[in-house]
Amino acid sequence: MFIYSKHFNVIAFDLRKCYNILVNFKQKLYSCCCLKGNEFKKRGVYLKLIFCIDSKKGMMFFGKRQSQDGALREKLLSLTENGKLYMSEYSAKQFEENPKIIVTDGYIEEAEKSDYCFIEDKGYSIDSTDEIILCHWNRHYPADRFFNIDLKKNGFKKEKSEDIKGTSHEKITIETYVRAEK
């Protein structure tokens, strides 16, 4: 991986190999951080999870969100009007203060039935989920963290789809998937 050059008296390295090692490490780290749903099943808690993804299901790049949009934030607050919206401190930085928003790094564990969790930078499990909302940027961004859940294989069915005009995106597609009765 490292190459010593006599001519320039420097150590150079193959960036592609370093990047692949980093991506593999991050994927293993995220999969280890994903929570198991058994605790939620015992409690009878079924959450609603919200994700923002690009056209290739990318979510983040080097620990940063791919994008954000003011109109989408307003839409998420209106979608969650019948429950609380839990999120991490990282995610909350893009929202204005709102009593509906509960900011805690343990939001997955603290959320109750019918609450919403906005997932960007934390692990998650769909075992405890009865609804998933995917907000599509309809663009491709660089990504190293992906939404890699096969919804159909896990018993989810698309219930509705809606396009909104964003403030920084011409079109944002919001799809709601609901788990079929078990």
N, C-alpha and C. Protein backbone atom coordinates (compact mmCIF):
# COMPACT_ATOMS: atom_id res chain seq x y z
N MET A 1 0.83 -1.19 0.00
CA MET A 1 0.00 0.00 0.00
C MET A 1 0.87 1.25 0.00
N PHE A 2 1.98 1.27 0.71
CA PHE A 2 2.85 2.43 0.73
C PHE A 2 4.00 2.25 -0.26
N ILE A 3 4.38 3.33 -0.88
CA ILE A 3 5.46 3.30 -1.87
C ILE A 3 6.48 4.36 -1.48
N TYR A 4 7.73 3.95 -1.40
CA TYR A 4 8.79 4.90 -1.10
C TYR A 4 9.43 5.32 -2.41
N SER A 5 9.54 6.60 -2.62
CA SER A 5 10.14 7.11 -3.85
C SER A 5 11.51 7.70 -3.55
N LYS A 6 12.56 7.11 -4.15
CA LYS A 6 13.92 7.63 -3.96
C LYS A 6 14.05 9.02 -4.56
N HIS A 7 13.39 9.23 -5.68
CA HIS A 7 13.54 10.48 -6.41
C HIS A 7 12.98 11.68 -5.66
N PHE A 8 11.88 11.50 -4.95
CA PHE A 8 11.26 12.63 -4.28
C PHE A 8 11.42 12.56 -2.76
N ASN A 9 12.03 11.47 -2.27
CA ASN A 9 12.27 11.29 -0.86
C ASN A 9 11.00 11.49 -0.03
N VAL A 10 9.89 10.90 -0.53
CA VAL A 10 8.61 10.98 0.15
C VAL A 10 7.97 9.60 0.17
N ILE A 11 7.03 9.45 1.03
CA ILE A 11 6.25 8.22 1.05
C ILE A 11 4.88 8.56 0.46
N ALA A 12 4.53 7.86 -0.60
CA ALA A 12 3.23 8.04 -1.23
C ALA A 12 2.40 6.79 -0.94
N PHE A 13 1.13 6.88 -1.05
CA PHE A 13 0.30 5.71 -0.82
C PHE A 13 -0.82 5.67 -1.83
N ASP A 14 -1.31 4.47 -2.04
CA ASP A 14 -2.38 4.25 -2.99
C ASP A 14 -3.70 4.68 -2.35
N LEU A 15 -4.21 5.82 -2.77
CA LEU A 15 -5.43 6.37 -2.18
C LEU A 15 -6.63 5.45 -2.34
N ARG A 16 -6.70 4.76 -3.47
CA ARG A 16 -7.83 3.88 -3.71
C ARG A 16 -7.87 2.75 -2.68
N LYS A 17 -6.72 2.15 -2.39
CA LYS A 17 -6.68 1.08 -1.39
C LYS A 17 -7.03 1.61 -0.01
N CYS A 18 -6.52 2.78 0.33
CA CYS A 18 -6.83 3.38 1.63
C CYS A 18 -8.33 3.67 1.75
N TYR A 19 -8.92 4.20 0.69
CA TYR A 19 -10.34 4.51 0.70
C TYR A 19 -11.16 3.24 0.88
N ASN A 20 -10.82 2.17 0.13
CA ASN A 20 -11.56 0.91 0.24
C ASN A 20 -11.44 0.32 1.65
N ILE A 21 -10.28 0.40 2.24
CA ILE A 21 -10.10 -0.08 3.61
C ILE A 21 -10.98 0.72 4.56
N LEU A 22 -10.99 2.03 4.40
CA LEU A 22 -11.79 2.90 5.26
C LEU A 22 -13.28 2.60 5.10
N VAL A 23 -13.75 2.45 3.87
CA VAL A 23 -15.16 2.16 3.62
C VAL A 23 -15.55 0.82 4.23
N ASN A 24 -14.72 -0.21 4.04
CA ASN A 24 -15.02 -1.52 4.63
C ASN A 24 -15.06 -1.45 6.14
N PHE A 25 -14.13 -0.70 6.73
CA PHE A 25 -14.11 -0.56 8.18
C PHE A 25 -15.38 0.14 8.67
N LYS A 26 -15.80 1.22 7.98
CA LYS A 26 -16.99 1.96 8.40
C LYS A 26 -18.24 1.08 8.27
N GLN A 27 -18.32 0.28 7.19
CA GLN A 27 -19.48 -0.59 7.03
C GLN A 27 -19.55 -1.63 8.14
N LYS A 28 -18.40 -2.20 8.50
CA LYS A 28 -18.38 -3.16 9.61
C LYS A 28 -18.74 -2.48 10.91
N LEU A 29 -18.24 -1.28 11.12
CA LEU A 29 -18.54 -0.54 12.33
C LEU A 29 -20.03 -0.24 12.42
N TYR A 30 -20.64 0.24 11.32
CA TYR A 30 -22.06 0.54 11.33
C TYR A 30 -22.90 -0.72 11.55
N SER A 31 -22.51 -1.83 10.93
CA SER A 31 -23.29 -3.05 11.12
C SER A 31 -23.20 -3.52 12.56
N CYS A 32 -22.07 -3.30 13.21
CA CYS A 32 -21.94 -3.66 14.64
C CYS A 32 -22.79 -2.73 15.49
N CYS A 33 -22.98 -1.50 15.05
CA CYS A 33 -23.72 -0.52 15.84
C CYS A 33 -25.23 -0.66 15.66
N CYS A 34 -25.65 -1.39 14.63
CA CYS A 34 -27.09 -1.53 14.42
C CYS A 34 -27.71 -2.25 15.60
N LEU A 35 -28.83 -1.76 16.02
CA LEU A 35 -29.48 -2.28 17.22
C LEU A 35 -30.33 -3.50 16.88
N LYS A 36 -30.47 -4.37 17.81
CA LYS A 36 -31.32 -5.55 17.65
C LYS A 36 -32.73 -5.20 18.09
N GLY A 37 -33.72 -5.71 17.39
CA GLY A 37 -35.10 -5.34 17.65
C GLY A 37 -35.79 -6.15 18.73
N ASN A 38 -35.14 -7.16 19.30
CA ASN A 38 -35.80 -8.01 20.29
C ASN A 38 -36.30 -7.22 21.49
N GLU A 39 -35.53 -6.24 21.96
CA GLU A 39 -35.96 -5.44 23.10
C GLU A 39 -37.24 -4.68 22.78
N PHE A 40 -37.35 -4.20 21.55
CA PHE A 40 -38.54 -3.46 21.15
C PHE A 40 -39.75 -4.39 21.06
N LYS A 41 -39.52 -5.60 20.53
CA LYS A 41 -40.62 -6.56 20.42
C LYS A 41 -41.17 -6.91 21.80
N LYS A 42 -40.26 -7.07 22.77
CA LYS A 42 -40.68 -7.38 24.13
C LYS A 42 -41.55 -6.26 24.68
N ARG A 43 -41.19 -5.01 24.36
CA ARG A 43 -41.94 -3.86 24.85
C ARG A 43 -43.18 -3.58 24.01
N GLY A 44 -43.28 -4.22 22.82
CA GLY A 44 -44.40 -3.96 21.93
C GLY A 44 -44.30 -2.62 21.23
N VAL A 45 -43.07 -2.14 21.04
CA VAL A 45 -42.84 -0.83 20.43
C VAL A 45 -42.56 -1.00 18.95
N TYR A 46 -43.32 -0.29 18.13
CA TYR A 46 -43.07 -0.28 16.69
C TYR A 46 -42.96 1.17 16.24
N LEU A 47 -41.78 1.53 15.83
CA LEU A 47 -41.46 2.92 15.49
C LEU A 47 -41.67 3.19 14.01
N LYS A 48 -41.63 4.46 13.68
CA LYS A 48 -41.65 4.92 12.31
C LYS A 48 -40.29 5.58 12.06
N LEU A 49 -39.56 5.05 11.10
CA LEU A 49 -38.22 5.54 10.81
C LEU A 49 -38.22 6.39 9.55
N ILE A 50 -37.44 7.48 9.57
CA ILE A 50 -37.34 8.41 8.44
C ILE A 50 -35.88 8.47 8.01
N PHE A 51 -35.65 8.30 6.70
CA PHE A 51 -34.31 8.37 6.13
C PHE A 51 -34.32 9.31 4.93
N CYS A 52 -33.22 10.02 4.70
CA CYS A 52 -33.01 10.79 3.47
C CYS A 52 -31.94 10.05 2.67
N ILE A 53 -32.27 9.75 1.39
CA ILE A 53 -31.34 8.99 0.57
C ILE A 53 -31.23 9.61 -0.82
N ASP A 54 -30.09 9.33 -1.46
CA ASP A 54 -29.91 9.81 -2.83
C ASP A 54 -30.39 8.75 -3.82
N SER A 55 -30.14 8.96 -5.10
CA SER A 55 -30.65 8.05 -6.13
C SER A 55 -30.03 6.66 -6.07
N LYS A 56 -28.92 6.50 -5.36
CA LYS A 56 -28.29 5.18 -5.19
C LYS A 56 -28.38 4.71 -3.74
N LYS A 57 -29.35 5.26 -3.00
CA LYS A 57 -29.62 4.92 -1.61
C LYS A 57 -28.50 5.33 -0.65
N GLY A 58 -27.66 6.28 -1.07
CA GLY A 58 -26.63 6.80 -0.20
C GLY A 58 -27.23 7.71 0.85
N MET A 59 -26.62 7.70 2.06
CA MET A 59 -27.12 8.51 3.17
C MET A 59 -26.10 9.54 3.66
N MET A 60 -24.84 9.10 3.77
CA MET A 60 -23.81 9.97 4.33
C MET A 60 -22.49 9.75 3.58
N PHE A 61 -21.60 10.72 3.72
CA PHE A 61 -20.27 10.62 3.13
C PHE A 61 -19.27 11.16 4.14
N PHE A 62 -18.36 10.31 4.56
CA PHE A 62 -17.35 10.65 5.57
C PHE A 62 -17.96 11.30 6.80
N GLY A 63 -19.07 10.73 7.27
CA GLY A 63 -19.70 11.20 8.50
C GLY A 63 -20.52 12.47 8.38
N LYS A 64 -20.78 12.91 7.17
CA LYS A 64 -21.58 14.13 6.95
C LYS A 64 -22.81 13.78 6.13
N ARG A 65 -23.91 14.47 6.41
CA ARG A 65 -25.12 14.25 5.61
C ARG A 65 -24.84 14.71 4.18
N GLN A 66 -25.53 14.11 3.25
CA GLN A 66 -25.32 14.46 1.84
C GLN A 66 -25.92 15.81 1.50
N SER A 67 -27.07 16.10 2.05
CA SER A 67 -27.75 17.35 1.72
C SER A 67 -28.78 17.64 2.81
N GLN A 68 -29.43 18.79 2.68
CA GLN A 68 -30.53 19.15 3.57
C GLN A 68 -31.42 20.14 2.83
N ASP A 69 -32.64 20.28 3.30
CA ASP A 69 -33.58 21.14 2.60
C ASP A 69 -34.63 21.66 3.60
N GLY A 70 -34.85 22.97 3.59
CA GLY A 70 -35.80 23.60 4.50
C GLY A 70 -37.22 23.13 4.30
N ALA A 71 -37.64 22.97 3.05
CA ALA A 71 -39.01 22.52 2.77
C ALA A 71 -39.21 21.08 3.26
N LEU A 72 -38.19 20.25 3.15
CA LEU A 72 -38.29 18.88 3.65
C LEU A 72 -38.41 18.87 5.18
N ARG A 73 -37.66 19.73 5.85
CA ARG A 73 -37.77 19.80 7.31
C ARG A 73 -39.19 20.16 7.74
N GLU A 74 -39.79 21.14 7.06
CA GLU A 74 -41.17 21.53 7.37
C GLU A 74 -42.13 20.37 7.11
N LYS A 75 -41.91 19.65 6.02
CA LYS A 75 -42.77 18.51 5.67
C LYS A 75 -42.66 17.42 6.73
N LEU A 76 -41.43 17.14 7.19
CA LEU A 76 -41.24 16.11 8.22
C LEU A 76 -41.96 16.48 9.51
N LEU A 77 -41.90 17.75 9.88
CA LEU A 77 -42.61 18.19 11.09
C LEU A 77 -44.12 18.04 10.92
N SER A 78 -44.65 18.29 9.73
CA SER A 78 -46.09 18.13 9.51
C SER A 78 -46.48 16.65 9.46
N LEU A 79 -45.61 15.79 8.90
CA LEU A 79 -45.89 14.35 8.86
C LEU A 79 -45.95 13.75 10.26
N THR A 80 -45.17 14.30 11.15
CA THR A 80 -45.05 13.73 12.50
C THR A 80 -45.91 14.47 13.52
N GLU A 81 -46.92 15.20 13.07
CA GLU A 81 -47.71 16.03 13.98
C GLU A 81 -48.45 15.23 15.05
N ASN A 82 -48.70 13.93 14.81
CA ASN A 82 -49.42 13.11 15.80
C ASN A 82 -48.49 12.35 16.74
N GLY A 83 -47.22 12.63 16.68
CA GLY A 83 -46.27 11.93 17.54
C GLY A 83 -45.05 12.80 17.77
N LYS A 84 -44.10 12.25 18.49
CA LYS A 84 -42.85 12.95 18.73
C LYS A 84 -41.86 12.59 17.64
N LEU A 85 -40.93 13.50 17.37
CA LEU A 85 -39.89 13.26 16.38
C LEU A 85 -38.55 13.20 17.12
N TYR A 86 -38.02 11.99 17.24
CA TYR A 86 -36.75 11.77 17.91
C TYR A 86 -35.61 11.85 16.90
N MET A 87 -34.47 12.37 17.36
CA MET A 87 -33.30 12.43 16.50
C MET A 87 -32.05 12.66 17.33
N SER A 88 -30.91 12.47 16.70
CA SER A 88 -29.63 12.69 17.38
C SER A 88 -29.33 14.19 17.42
N GLU A 89 -28.35 14.53 18.21
CA GLU A 89 -27.92 15.93 18.30
C GLU A 89 -27.41 16.42 16.95
N TYR A 90 -26.72 15.54 16.23
CA TYR A 90 -26.21 15.88 14.90
C TYR A 90 -27.36 16.30 13.97
N SER A 91 -28.42 15.52 13.94
CA SER A 91 -29.57 15.81 13.06
C SER A 91 -30.31 17.06 13.50
N ALA A 92 -30.41 17.28 14.80
CA ALA A 92 -31.19 18.40 15.33
C ALA A 92 -30.59 19.75 14.96
N LYS A 93 -29.32 19.79 14.63
CA LYS A 93 -28.66 21.07 14.29
C LYS A 93 -29.29 21.74 13.08
N GLN A 94 -29.93 20.96 12.20
CA GLN A 94 -30.53 21.56 11.01
C GLN A 94 -31.97 22.03 11.24
N PHE A 95 -32.56 21.70 12.39
CA PHE A 95 -33.94 22.11 12.70
C PHE A 95 -33.93 23.29 13.67
N GLU A 96 -34.96 24.12 13.57
CA GLU A 96 -35.17 25.16 14.57
C GLU A 96 -35.75 24.48 15.81
N GLU A 97 -35.63 25.13 16.95
CA GLU A 97 -36.15 24.55 18.18
C GLU A 97 -37.65 24.33 18.05
N ASN A 98 -38.09 23.13 18.47
CA ASN A 98 -39.49 22.76 18.35
C ASN A 98 -39.82 21.78 19.47
N PRO A 99 -40.93 21.98 20.18
CA PRO A 99 -41.25 21.08 21.31
C PRO A 99 -41.53 19.64 20.87
N LYS A 100 -41.85 19.40 19.61
CA LYS A 100 -42.09 18.05 19.10
C LYS A 100 -40.80 17.25 18.94
N ILE A 101 -39.68 17.97 18.81
CA ILE A 101 -38.40 17.30 18.55
C ILE A 101 -37.74 16.93 19.87
N ILE A 102 -37.43 15.65 20.01
CA ILE A 102 -36.74 15.14 21.18
C ILE A 102 -35.31 14.81 20.75
N VAL A 103 -34.34 15.50 21.33
CA VAL A 103 -32.94 15.32 20.96
C VAL A 103 -32.24 14.49 22.02
N THR A 104 -31.78 13.33 21.60
CA THR A 104 -31.06 12.43 22.49
C THR A 104 -30.31 11.41 21.64
N ASP A 105 -29.13 11.03 22.06
CA ASP A 105 -28.39 10.02 21.32
C ASP A 105 -28.97 8.63 21.53
N GLY A 106 -29.81 8.46 22.53
CA GLY A 106 -30.47 7.18 22.76
C GLY A 106 -31.90 7.17 22.25
N TYR A 107 -32.15 7.90 21.17
CA TYR A 107 -33.53 8.09 20.71
C TYR A 107 -34.21 6.79 20.29
N ILE A 108 -33.48 5.84 19.75
CA ILE A 108 -34.11 4.59 19.33
C ILE A 108 -34.67 3.86 20.55
N GLU A 109 -33.91 3.85 21.64
CA GLU A 109 -34.35 3.17 22.85
C GLU A 109 -35.46 3.92 23.58
N GLU A 110 -35.47 5.24 23.49
CA GLU A 110 -36.42 6.05 24.25
C GLU A 110 -37.75 6.27 23.56
N ALA A 111 -37.78 6.16 22.25
CA ALA A 111 -39.02 6.41 21.51
C ALA A 111 -40.07 5.38 21.86
N GLU A 112 -41.31 5.81 21.86
CA GLU A 112 -42.44 4.95 22.18
C GLU A 112 -43.21 4.62 20.91
N LYS A 113 -44.21 3.76 21.06
CA LYS A 113 -45.03 3.35 19.93
C LYS A 113 -45.59 4.57 19.21
N SER A 114 -45.55 4.54 17.91
CA SER A 114 -46.07 5.60 17.02
C SER A 114 -45.21 6.85 16.99
N ASP A 115 -44.07 6.85 17.67
CA ASP A 115 -43.15 7.97 17.54
C ASP A 115 -42.31 7.79 16.27
N TYR A 116 -41.71 8.87 15.83
CA TYR A 116 -40.88 8.88 14.63
C TYR A 116 -39.42 9.06 15.03
N CYS A 117 -38.54 8.41 14.30
CA CYS A 117 -37.09 8.58 14.50
C CYS A 117 -36.47 8.97 13.17
N PHE A 118 -35.82 10.13 13.15
CA PHE A 118 -35.12 10.61 11.96
C PHE A 118 -33.69 10.07 12.05
N ILE A 119 -33.34 9.18 11.12
CA ILE A 119 -32.07 8.46 11.16
C ILE A 119 -31.10 9.07 10.14
N GLU A 120 -29.97 9.53 10.63
CA GLU A 120 -28.90 9.99 9.75
C GLU A 120 -27.58 9.32 10.12
N ASP A 121 -27.19 9.48 11.37
CA ASP A 121 -25.84 9.12 11.78
C ASP A 121 -25.75 8.00 12.80
N LYS A 122 -26.85 7.38 13.15
CA LYS A 122 -26.86 6.35 14.19
C LYS A 122 -27.29 5.01 13.61
N GLY A 123 -27.00 3.94 14.36
CA GLY A 123 -27.43 2.61 13.97
C GLY A 123 -28.94 2.47 14.15
N TYR A 124 -29.51 1.45 13.55
CA TYR A 124 -30.95 1.24 13.62
C TYR A 124 -31.26 -0.22 13.33
N SER A 125 -32.46 -0.60 13.65
CA SER A 125 -32.98 -1.93 13.33
C SER A 125 -34.38 -1.76 12.78
N ILE A 126 -34.71 -2.51 11.74
CA ILE A 126 -36.08 -2.44 11.22
C ILE A 126 -36.97 -3.46 11.90
N ASP A 127 -36.41 -4.28 12.79
CA ASP A 127 -37.23 -5.26 13.52
C ASP A 127 -38.32 -4.57 14.34
N SER A 128 -38.04 -3.38 14.80
CA SER A 128 -38.96 -2.64 15.67
C SER A 128 -39.77 -1.61 14.91
N THR A 129 -39.84 -1.77 13.60
CA THR A 129 -40.42 -0.74 12.75
C THR A 129 -41.66 -1.23 12.03
N ASP A 130 -42.69 -0.41 12.01
CA ASP A 130 -43.87 -0.75 11.23
C ASP A 130 -44.06 0.20 10.05
N GLU A 131 -43.26 1.26 10.00
CA GLU A 131 -43.36 2.22 8.90
C GLU A 131 -41.99 2.83 8.63
N ILE A 132 -41.65 2.94 7.36
CA ILE A 132 -40.40 3.58 6.94
C ILE A 132 -40.74 4.66 5.92
N ILE A 133 -40.21 5.84 6.15
CA ILE A 133 -40.40 6.96 5.23
C ILE A 133 -39.06 7.26 4.60
N LEU A 134 -39.00 7.14 3.27
CA LEU A 134 -37.78 7.44 2.53
C LEU A 134 -37.96 8.76 1.79
N CYS A 135 -37.06 9.69 2.04
CA CYS A 135 -37.06 10.99 1.37
C CYS A 135 -35.94 10.96 0.34
N HIS A 136 -36.31 10.94 -0.93
CA HIS A 136 -35.35 10.82 -2.02
C HIS A 136 -34.94 12.21 -2.53
N TRP A 137 -33.63 12.45 -2.55
CA TRP A 137 -33.12 13.71 -3.08
C TRP A 137 -33.24 13.77 -4.60
N ASN A 138 -33.40 12.62 -5.25
CA ASN A 138 -33.48 12.54 -6.71
C ASN A 138 -32.21 13.07 -7.38
N ARG A 139 -31.11 12.88 -6.72
CA ARG A 139 -29.78 13.23 -7.23
C ARG A 139 -28.82 12.17 -6.72
N HIS A 140 -27.65 12.12 -7.34
CA HIS A 140 -26.60 11.23 -6.85
C HIS A 140 -25.53 12.06 -6.16
N TYR A 141 -25.19 11.66 -4.94
CA TYR A 141 -24.13 12.29 -4.18
C TYR A 141 -23.08 11.24 -3.82
N PRO A 142 -21.85 11.66 -3.55
CA PRO A 142 -20.88 10.68 -3.04
C PRO A 142 -21.40 10.12 -1.71
N ALA A 143 -21.18 8.83 -1.48
CA ALA A 143 -21.69 8.21 -0.25
C ALA A 143 -20.80 7.05 0.18
N ASP A 144 -20.73 6.84 1.49
CA ASP A 144 -20.07 5.66 2.02
C ASP A 144 -20.95 4.97 3.07
N ARG A 145 -22.11 5.51 3.33
CA ARG A 145 -23.12 4.86 4.18
C ARG A 145 -24.42 4.82 3.39
N PHE A 146 -25.02 3.64 3.33
CA PHE A 146 -26.18 3.43 2.46
C PHE A 146 -27.35 2.86 3.25
N PHE A 147 -28.54 3.11 2.72
CA PHE A 147 -29.75 2.44 3.19
C PHE A 147 -29.82 1.14 2.39
N ASN A 148 -29.36 0.06 3.00
CA ASN A 148 -29.22 -1.18 2.24
C ASN A 148 -30.22 -2.25 2.68
N ILE A 149 -31.40 -1.84 3.07
CA ILE A 149 -32.46 -2.76 3.48
C ILE A 149 -33.36 -3.03 2.28
N ASP A 150 -33.61 -4.30 2.01
CA ASP A 150 -34.56 -4.68 0.97
C ASP A 150 -35.95 -4.66 1.62
N LEU A 151 -36.70 -3.60 1.36
CA LEU A 151 -37.99 -3.40 2.02
C LEU A 151 -38.99 -4.50 1.67
N LYS A 152 -39.05 -4.88 0.41
CA LYS A 152 -40.01 -5.90 -0.02
C LYS A 152 -39.70 -7.24 0.67
N LYS A 153 -38.44 -7.60 0.71
CA LYS A 153 -38.02 -8.85 1.34
C LYS A 153 -38.34 -8.86 2.84
N ASN A 154 -38.37 -7.68 3.45
CA ASN A 154 -38.66 -7.56 4.88
C ASN A 154 -40.12 -7.27 5.18
N GLY A 155 -40.99 -7.46 4.19
CA GLY A 155 -42.43 -7.37 4.43
C GLY A 155 -43.03 -5.97 4.34
N PHE A 156 -42.32 -5.02 3.75
CA PHE A 156 -42.85 -3.66 3.62
C PHE A 156 -43.47 -3.46 2.24
N LYS A 157 -44.52 -2.69 2.20
CA LYS A 157 -45.20 -2.38 0.94
C LYS A 157 -45.37 -0.86 0.85
N LYS A 158 -45.13 -0.33 -0.36
CA LYS A 158 -45.28 1.11 -0.53
C LYS A 158 -46.76 1.48 -0.40
N GLU A 159 -47.01 2.42 0.53
CA GLU A 159 -48.38 2.87 0.78
C GLU A 159 -48.70 4.14 0.00
N LYS A 160 -47.71 5.05 -0.06
CA LYS A 160 -47.95 6.29 -0.81
C LYS A 160 -46.63 6.92 -1.22
N SER A 161 -46.74 7.78 -2.20
CA SER A 161 -45.58 8.51 -2.71
C SER A 161 -46.04 9.93 -3.02
N GLU A 162 -45.19 10.89 -2.67
CA GLU A 162 -45.54 12.29 -2.87
C GLU A 162 -44.28 13.06 -3.27
N ASP A 163 -44.43 13.97 -4.22
CA ASP A 163 -43.33 14.85 -4.60
C ASP A 163 -43.57 16.23 -4.01
N ILE A 164 -42.52 16.80 -3.44
CA ILE A 164 -42.61 18.18 -2.96
C ILE A 164 -41.51 19.00 -3.62
N LYS A 165 -41.73 20.28 -3.70
CA LYS A 165 -40.71 21.19 -4.21
C LYS A 165 -39.88 21.66 -3.02
N GLY A 166 -38.59 21.43 -3.11
CA GLY A 166 -37.72 21.81 -2.02
C GLY A 166 -37.17 23.21 -2.20
N THR A 167 -36.46 23.67 -1.19
CA THR A 167 -35.82 24.98 -1.28
C THR A 167 -34.47 24.87 -1.98
N SER A 168 -33.81 23.72 -1.85
CA SER A 168 -32.53 23.53 -2.52
C SER A 168 -32.57 22.38 -3.53
N HIS A 169 -33.70 21.73 -3.65
CA HIS A 169 -33.90 20.64 -4.59
C HIS A 169 -35.19 20.91 -5.35
N GLU A 170 -35.12 20.74 -6.66
CA GLU A 170 -36.30 20.98 -7.48
C GLU A 170 -37.45 20.05 -7.11
N LYS A 171 -37.09 18.76 -6.83
CA LYS A 171 -38.11 17.78 -6.49
C LYS A 171 -37.54 16.82 -5.44
N ILE A 172 -38.30 16.61 -4.36
CA ILE A 172 -37.97 15.62 -3.35
C ILE A 172 -39.15 14.65 -3.29
N THR A 173 -38.87 13.37 -3.45
CA THR A 173 -39.91 12.36 -3.42
C THR A 173 -39.95 11.72 -2.04
N ILE A 174 -41.13 11.70 -1.44
CA ILE A 174 -41.30 11.12 -0.12
C ILE A 174 -42.17 9.87 -0.27
N GLU A 175 -41.58 8.72 0.04
CA GLU A 175 -42.27 7.44 -0.07
C GLU A 175 -42.49 6.87 1.33
N THR A 176 -43.71 6.37 1.56
CA THR A 176 -44.04 5.75 2.84
C THR A 176 -44.26 4.26 2.61
N TYR A 177 -43.52 3.45 3.36
CA TYR A 177 -43.63 2.00 3.30
C TYR A 177 -44.18 1.50 4.63
N VAL A 178 -45.15 0.58 4.56
CA VAL A 178 -45.77 0.04 5.77
C VAL A 178 -45.56 -1.47 5.77
N ARG A 179 -45.22 -1.99 6.95
CA ARG A 179 -45.01 -3.42 7.08
C ARG A 179 -46.36 -4.12 7.06
N ALA A 180 -46.42 -5.20 6.28
CA ALA A 180 -47.65 -6.00 6.23
C ALA A 180 -47.87 -6.64 7.59
N GLU A 181 -49.11 -6.91 7.94
CA GLU A 181 -49.43 -7.52 9.23
C GLU A 181 -48.69 -8.84 9.36
N LYS A 182 -48.17 -9.08 10.56
CA LYS A 182 -47.41 -10.31 10.81
C LYS A 182 -48.32 -11.44 11.17
